[in-house]
Amino acid sequence: MAKIIFEFDLETELNEVRDFVDGDKWKIALWELDQAFRGTTKYEKSILNHTKATDLEIELAEKYRELIREILEKQNLTL
């Protein structure tokens, strides 16, 4: 079985350690944001008050979902 060992100096790289440890939390948070926008585009549900979304909300949700994917693609990441 292959192993990868990551080593950090806690005194000087504490922020890097936190980023490394919390990576999955960031992915889940971004996925939840994307799903909220998906609810607007697919079900026409407003993120703000769970009523029917306006045409502008739907258009913006589509654009934000595209933007999320563009940013992830530039970083070679996927949800």
N, C-alpha and C. Protein backbone atom coordinates (compact mmCIF):
# COMPACT_ATOMS: atom_id res chain seq x y z
N MET A 1 0.85 -1.17 0.00
CA MET A 1 0.00 0.00 0.00
C MET A 1 0.90 1.24 0.00
N ALA A 2 0.62 2.16 -0.91
CA ALA A 2 1.39 3.39 -1.00
C ALA A 2 0.95 4.37 0.09
N LYS A 3 1.90 5.14 0.58
CA LYS A 3 1.61 6.12 1.61
C LYS A 3 2.19 7.46 1.20
N ILE A 4 1.52 8.51 1.62
CA ILE A 4 2.03 9.86 1.43
C ILE A 4 2.12 10.49 2.82
N ILE A 5 3.25 11.08 3.11
CA ILE A 5 3.44 11.72 4.40
C ILE A 5 3.66 13.21 4.17
N PHE A 6 2.85 14.03 4.82
CA PHE A 6 2.99 15.48 4.75
C PHE A 6 3.59 15.95 6.06
N GLU A 7 4.54 16.86 5.96
CA GLU A 7 5.22 17.35 7.15
C GLU A 7 5.14 18.87 7.19
N PHE A 8 4.74 19.41 8.34
CA PHE A 8 4.61 20.85 8.52
C PHE A 8 5.35 21.27 9.78
N ASP A 9 5.86 22.48 9.76
CA ASP A 9 6.41 23.10 10.97
C ASP A 9 5.28 23.91 11.59
N LEU A 10 4.73 23.43 12.70
CA LEU A 10 3.56 24.06 13.31
C LEU A 10 3.80 25.51 13.73
N GLU A 11 5.01 25.85 14.06
CA GLU A 11 5.29 27.21 14.50
C GLU A 11 5.22 28.21 13.35
N THR A 12 5.62 27.82 12.16
CA THR A 12 5.67 28.77 11.04
C THR A 12 4.62 28.50 9.97
N GLU A 13 4.01 27.33 9.97
CA GLU A 13 3.08 26.96 8.90
C GLU A 13 1.70 26.58 9.41
N LEU A 14 1.27 27.21 10.49
CA LEU A 14 -0.02 26.87 11.09
C LEU A 14 -1.17 27.11 10.12
N ASN A 15 -1.16 28.20 9.37
CA ASN A 15 -2.22 28.47 8.39
C ASN A 15 -2.25 27.40 7.31
N GLU A 16 -1.09 26.97 6.85
CA GLU A 16 -1.03 25.92 5.84
C GLU A 16 -1.58 24.60 6.38
N VAL A 17 -1.29 24.31 7.64
CA VAL A 17 -1.83 23.10 8.26
C VAL A 17 -3.35 23.16 8.30
N ARG A 18 -3.89 24.32 8.70
CA ARG A 18 -5.34 24.47 8.78
C ARG A 18 -5.97 24.30 7.39
N ASP A 19 -5.37 24.90 6.36
CA ASP A 19 -5.87 24.73 4.99
C ASP A 19 -5.86 23.26 4.58
N PHE A 20 -4.78 22.57 4.91
CA PHE A 20 -4.64 21.16 4.56
C PHE A 20 -5.70 20.31 5.26
N VAL A 21 -5.88 20.55 6.54
CA VAL A 21 -6.83 19.75 7.34
C VAL A 21 -8.27 20.06 6.95
N ASP A 22 -8.57 21.32 6.62
CA ASP A 22 -9.94 21.73 6.33
C ASP A 22 -10.31 21.66 4.85
N GLY A 23 -9.47 21.09 4.02
CA GLY A 23 -9.75 21.03 2.59
C GLY A 23 -11.10 20.42 2.26
N ASP A 24 -11.46 19.34 2.93
CA ASP A 24 -12.75 18.71 2.66
C ASP A 24 -13.91 19.59 3.08
N LYS A 25 -13.74 20.39 4.13
CA LYS A 25 -14.80 21.29 4.56
C LYS A 25 -15.04 22.38 3.51
N TRP A 26 -13.94 22.88 2.93
CA TRP A 26 -14.08 23.89 1.87
C TRP A 26 -14.82 23.30 0.67
N LYS A 27 -14.50 22.07 0.32
CA LYS A 27 -15.15 21.43 -0.82
C LYS A 27 -16.65 21.25 -0.55
N ILE A 28 -17.01 20.81 0.64
CA ILE A 28 -18.41 20.63 1.00
C ILE A 28 -19.15 21.96 0.99
N ALA A 29 -18.52 23.01 1.52
CA ALA A 29 -19.15 24.33 1.55
C ALA A 29 -19.41 24.84 0.13
N LEU A 30 -18.44 24.67 -0.75
CA LEU A 30 -18.61 25.11 -2.13
C LEU A 30 -19.68 24.27 -2.84
N TRP A 31 -19.73 22.99 -2.55
CA TRP A 31 -20.75 22.12 -3.15
C TRP A 31 -22.14 22.55 -2.68
N GLU A 32 -22.29 22.90 -1.39
CA GLU A 32 -23.58 23.34 -0.87
C GLU A 32 -24.01 24.66 -1.53
N LEU A 33 -23.06 25.55 -1.74
CA LEU A 33 -23.37 26.81 -2.44
C LEU A 33 -23.84 26.52 -3.86
N ASP A 34 -23.14 25.64 -4.55
CA ASP A 34 -23.53 25.27 -5.90
C ASP A 34 -24.92 24.64 -5.92
N GLN A 35 -25.22 23.82 -4.94
CA GLN A 35 -26.53 23.17 -4.87
C GLN A 35 -27.64 24.18 -4.61
N ALA A 36 -27.35 25.21 -3.83
CA ALA A 36 -28.34 26.27 -3.60
C ALA A 36 -28.65 26.96 -4.92
N PHE A 37 -27.61 27.27 -5.70
CA PHE A 37 -27.83 27.89 -7.01
C PHE A 37 -28.56 26.92 -7.95
N ARG A 38 -28.26 25.64 -7.84
CA ARG A 38 -28.94 24.64 -8.67
C ARG A 38 -30.43 24.62 -8.36
N GLY A 39 -30.78 24.73 -7.08
CA GLY A 39 -32.19 24.77 -6.69
C GLY A 39 -32.91 25.93 -7.34
N THR A 40 -32.21 27.03 -7.51
CA THR A 40 -32.81 28.19 -8.17
C THR A 40 -32.98 27.94 -9.66
N THR A 41 -31.95 27.38 -10.29
CA THR A 41 -32.03 27.20 -11.75
C THR A 41 -32.96 26.04 -12.12
N LYS A 42 -32.97 24.97 -11.35
CA LYS A 42 -33.77 23.80 -11.71
C LYS A 42 -35.21 23.88 -11.21
N TYR A 43 -35.38 24.34 -9.99
CA TYR A 43 -36.71 24.34 -9.38
C TYR A 43 -37.32 25.72 -9.23
N GLU A 44 -36.58 26.74 -9.69
CA GLU A 44 -37.03 28.14 -9.62
C GLU A 44 -37.35 28.53 -8.17
N LYS A 45 -36.51 28.06 -7.25
CA LYS A 45 -36.70 28.36 -5.83
C LYS A 45 -35.71 29.45 -5.41
N SER A 46 -36.21 30.52 -4.85
CA SER A 46 -35.36 31.62 -4.41
C SER A 46 -34.48 31.19 -3.24
N ILE A 47 -33.22 31.54 -3.30
CA ILE A 47 -32.30 31.25 -2.20
C ILE A 47 -32.64 32.11 -0.99
N LEU A 48 -33.12 33.31 -1.24
CA LEU A 48 -33.33 34.28 -0.17
C LEU A 48 -34.50 33.93 0.74
N ASN A 49 -35.64 33.54 0.16
CA ASN A 49 -36.82 33.33 1.00
C ASN A 49 -37.63 32.08 0.63
N HIS A 50 -37.06 31.22 -0.20
CA HIS A 50 -37.68 29.95 -0.58
C HIS A 50 -39.04 30.10 -1.27
N THR A 51 -39.25 31.25 -1.88
CA THR A 51 -40.43 31.43 -2.71
C THR A 51 -39.99 31.21 -4.16
N LYS A 52 -40.90 31.46 -5.10
CA LYS A 52 -40.55 31.32 -6.51
C LYS A 52 -39.50 32.36 -6.89
N ALA A 53 -38.45 31.91 -7.54
CA ALA A 53 -37.36 32.80 -7.93
C ALA A 53 -37.78 33.70 -9.08
N THR A 54 -37.25 34.90 -9.09
CA THR A 54 -37.50 35.81 -10.21
C THR A 54 -36.60 35.40 -11.38
N ASP A 55 -36.91 35.93 -12.55
CA ASP A 55 -36.08 35.64 -13.73
C ASP A 55 -34.64 36.10 -13.50
N LEU A 56 -34.47 37.23 -12.83
CA LEU A 56 -33.13 37.74 -12.54
C LEU A 56 -32.38 36.79 -11.61
N GLU A 57 -33.04 36.28 -10.58
CA GLU A 57 -32.40 35.33 -9.67
C GLU A 57 -31.95 34.08 -10.40
N ILE A 58 -32.80 33.59 -11.29
CA ILE A 58 -32.46 32.39 -12.06
C ILE A 58 -31.26 32.66 -12.95
N GLU A 59 -31.25 33.79 -13.62
CA GLU A 59 -30.15 34.16 -14.51
C GLU A 59 -28.84 34.29 -13.72
N LEU A 60 -28.90 34.96 -12.57
CA LEU A 60 -27.71 35.12 -11.75
C LEU A 60 -27.21 33.79 -11.20
N ALA A 61 -28.12 32.93 -10.78
CA ALA A 61 -27.73 31.61 -10.26
C ALA A 61 -27.01 30.81 -11.34
N GLU A 62 -27.51 30.86 -12.57
CA GLU A 62 -26.83 30.17 -13.68
C GLU A 62 -25.44 30.72 -13.88
N LYS A 63 -25.30 32.04 -13.85
CA LYS A 63 -23.99 32.67 -14.04
C LYS A 63 -23.03 32.33 -12.90
N TYR A 64 -23.53 32.32 -11.67
CA TYR A 64 -22.67 31.98 -10.53
C TYR A 64 -22.22 30.52 -10.59
N ARG A 65 -23.10 29.64 -11.03
CA ARG A 65 -22.70 28.24 -11.17
C ARG A 65 -21.62 28.10 -12.24
N GLU A 66 -21.76 28.83 -13.33
CA GLU A 66 -20.73 28.83 -14.38
C GLU A 66 -19.41 29.36 -13.82
N LEU A 67 -19.48 30.44 -13.06
CA LEU A 67 -18.28 31.03 -12.49
C LEU A 67 -17.58 30.06 -11.54
N ILE A 68 -18.35 29.38 -10.71
CA ILE A 68 -17.77 28.38 -9.80
C ILE A 68 -17.01 27.34 -10.60
N ARG A 69 -17.61 26.85 -11.67
CA ARG A 69 -16.96 25.81 -12.48
C ARG A 69 -15.72 26.34 -13.19
N GLU A 70 -15.76 27.58 -13.66
CA GLU A 70 -14.58 28.17 -14.30
C GLU A 70 -13.42 28.29 -13.31
N ILE A 71 -13.72 28.76 -12.11
CA ILE A 71 -12.68 28.90 -11.09
C ILE A 71 -12.10 27.53 -10.73
N LEU A 72 -12.95 26.55 -10.53
CA LEU A 72 -12.48 25.22 -10.20
C LEU A 72 -11.64 24.63 -11.33
N GLU A 73 -12.07 24.84 -12.56
CA GLU A 73 -11.33 24.32 -13.71
C GLU A 73 -9.93 24.93 -13.78
N LYS A 74 -9.82 26.23 -13.52
CA LYS A 74 -8.51 26.88 -13.54
C LYS A 74 -7.57 26.29 -12.49
N GLN A 75 -8.14 25.82 -11.39
CA GLN A 75 -7.35 25.21 -10.31
C GLN A 75 -7.23 23.69 -10.47
N ASN A 76 -7.79 23.16 -11.56
CA ASN A 76 -7.79 21.72 -11.82
C ASN A 76 -8.49 20.96 -10.69
N LEU A 77 -9.66 21.50 -10.27
CA LEU A 77 -10.46 20.90 -9.21
C LEU A 77 -11.85 20.57 -9.74
N THR A 78 -12.52 19.66 -9.08
CA THR A 78 -13.90 19.32 -9.41
C THR A 78 -14.71 19.17 -8.14
N LEU A 79 -16.01 19.34 -8.27
CA LEU A 79 -16.91 19.06 -7.16
C LEU A 79 -17.31 17.61 -7.28
